C-alpha atoms as a PDB file:
ATOM      1  CA  UNK A   1     -47.012 -51.711  90.468  1.00  0.00           C
ATOM      2  CA  UNK A   2     -45.528 -48.265  89.878  1.00  0.00           C
ATOM      3  CA  UNK A   3     -43.574 -49.484  86.867  1.00  0.00           C
ATOM      4  CA  UNK A   4     -44.903 -49.057  83.346  1.00  0.00           C
ATOM      5  CA  UNK A   5     -43.507 -50.582  80.166  1.00  0.00           C
ATOM      6  CA  UNK A   6     -44.003 -48.366  77.104  1.00  0.00           C
ATOM      7  CA  UNK A   7     -42.961 -49.150  73.549  1.00  0.00           C
ATOM      8  CA  UNK A   8     -43.603 -46.427  70.975  1.00  0.00           C
ATOM      9  CA  UNK A   9     -43.483 -46.610  67.196  1.00  0.00           C
ATOM     10  CA  UNK A  10     -42.756 -43.493  65.149  1.00  0.00           C
ATOM     11  CA  UNK A  11     -43.204 -42.535  61.512  1.00  0.00           C
ATOM     12  CA  UNK A  12     -41.890 -39.214  60.147  1.00  0.00           C
ATOM     13  CA  UNK A  13     -40.985 -38.090  63.683  1.00  0.00           C
ATOM     14  CA  UNK A  14     -44.587 -38.508  64.895  1.00  0.00           C
ATOM     15  CA  UNK A  15     -45.654 -41.115  67.401  1.00  0.00           C
ATOM     16  CA  UNK A  16     -47.841 -43.471  65.416  1.00  0.00           C
ATOM     17  CA  UNK A  17     -48.615 -46.318  67.809  1.00  0.00           C
ATOM     18  CA  UNK A  18     -47.812 -47.115  71.435  1.00  0.00           C
ATOM     19  CA  UNK A  19     -48.081 -50.109  73.730  1.00  0.00           C
ATOM     20  CA  UNK A  20     -48.450 -49.265  77.401  1.00  0.00           C
ATOM     21  CA  UNK A  21     -48.496 -51.953  80.076  1.00  0.00           C
ATOM     22  CA  UNK A  22     -50.869 -49.870  82.199  1.00  0.00           C
ATOM     23  CA  UNK A  23     -53.418 -49.852  79.363  1.00  0.00           C
ATOM     24  CA  UNK A  24     -52.584 -53.417  78.314  1.00  0.00           C
ATOM     25  CA  UNK A  25     -53.040 -52.829  74.612  1.00  0.00           C
ATOM     26  CA  UNK A  26     -51.810 -50.823  71.642  1.00  0.00           C
ATOM     27  CA  UNK A  27     -53.123 -47.306  71.071  1.00  0.00           C
ATOM     28  CA  UNK A  28     -52.927 -45.446  67.769  1.00  0.00           C
ATOM     29  CA  UNK A  29     -52.357 -41.706  67.516  1.00  0.00           C
ATOM     30  CA  UNK A  30     -52.640 -41.206  63.760  1.00  0.00           C
ATOM     31  CA  UNK A  31     -55.090 -42.569  61.211  1.00  0.00           C
ATOM     32  CA  UNK A  32     -52.585 -45.230  60.164  1.00  0.00           C
ATOM     33  CA  UNK A  33     -51.592 -45.852  63.790  1.00  0.00           C
ATOM     34  CA  UNK A  34     -55.192 -46.578  64.773  1.00  0.00           C
ATOM     35  CA  UNK A  35     -55.398 -49.208  62.026  1.00  0.00           C
ATOM     36  CA  UNK A  36     -52.095 -50.779  63.072  1.00  0.00           C
ATOM     37  CA  UNK A  37     -53.108 -50.780  66.749  1.00  0.00           C
ATOM     38  CA  UNK A  38     -56.420 -52.455  65.928  1.00  0.00           C
ATOM     39  CA  UNK A  39     -54.656 -55.191  63.966  1.00  0.00           C
ATOM     40  CA  UNK A  40     -52.075 -55.784  66.704  1.00  0.00           C
ATOM     41  CA  UNK A  41     -54.771 -55.793  69.416  1.00  0.00           C
ATOM     42  CA  UNK A  42     -56.577 -58.536  67.492  1.00  0.00           C
ATOM     43  CA  UNK A  43     -53.454 -60.729  67.639  1.00  0.00           C
ATOM     44  CA  UNK A  44     -53.529 -62.556  71.013  1.00  0.00           C
ATOM     45  CA  UNK A  45     -49.942 -63.798  70.756  1.00  0.00           C
ATOM     46  CA  UNK A  46     -48.584 -60.284  70.090  1.00  0.00           C
ATOM     47  CA  UNK A  47     -50.593 -58.843  72.972  1.00  0.00           C
ATOM     48  CA  UNK A  48     -49.483 -61.515  75.437  1.00  0.00           C
ATOM     49  CA  UNK A  49     -45.847 -61.090  74.374  1.00  0.00           C
ATOM     50  CA  UNK A  50     -46.024 -57.332  74.916  1.00  0.00           C
ATOM     51  CA  UNK A  51     -47.778 -57.716  78.271  1.00  0.00           C
ATOM     52  CA  UNK A  52     -44.983 -60.044  79.386  1.00  0.00           C
ATOM     53  CA  UNK A  53     -42.334 -57.416  78.589  1.00  0.00           C
ATOM     54  CA  UNK A  54     -43.039 -55.575  81.835  1.00  0.00           C
ATOM     55  CA  UNK A  55     -41.928 -58.603  83.824  1.00  0.00           C
ATOM     56  CA  UNK A  56     -39.149 -59.618  81.451  1.00  0.00           C
ATOM     57  CA  UNK A  57     -37.526 -56.231  81.078  1.00  0.00           C
ATOM     58  CA  UNK A  58     -38.723 -53.811  83.735  1.00  0.00           C
ATOM     59  CA  UNK A  59     -39.038 -55.933  86.838  1.00  0.00           C
ATOM     60  CA  UNK A  60     -35.723 -57.702  86.212  1.00  0.00           C
ATOM     61  CA  UNK A  61     -33.816 -54.443  85.717  1.00  0.00           C
ATOM     62  CA  UNK A  62     -35.446 -51.959  88.088  1.00  0.00           C
ATOM     63  CA  UNK A  63     -33.250 -52.849  91.070  1.00  0.00           C
ATOM     64  CA  UNK A  64     -30.070 -52.570  89.004  1.00  0.00           C
ATOM     65  CA  UNK A  65     -31.108 -49.184  87.585  1.00  0.00           C
ATOM     66  CA  UNK A  66     -32.154 -47.947  91.014  1.00  0.00           C
ATOM     67  CA  UNK A  67     -28.857 -49.003  92.605  1.00  0.00           C
ATOM     68  CA  UNK A  68     -26.844 -47.354  89.807  1.00  0.00           C
ATOM     69  CA  UNK A  69     -28.798 -44.115  90.198  1.00  0.00           C
ATOM     70  CA  UNK A  70     -27.963 -43.941  93.889  1.00  0.00           C
END
């Protein structure tokens, strides 16, 4: 439960849009990013795919990364 999956999208070196598994949806940080986030949040298949990334990527790799760090 302490693991968070974050995927950020940048345009011109500025973070435009971000998906965070703790929020469970996309968040926009610019005017264009807000529009993109709203469109992606209205797409149930995109949201469910992104929500699944925490389990697919993070939970399957956390033990390996932890062991390598030690």
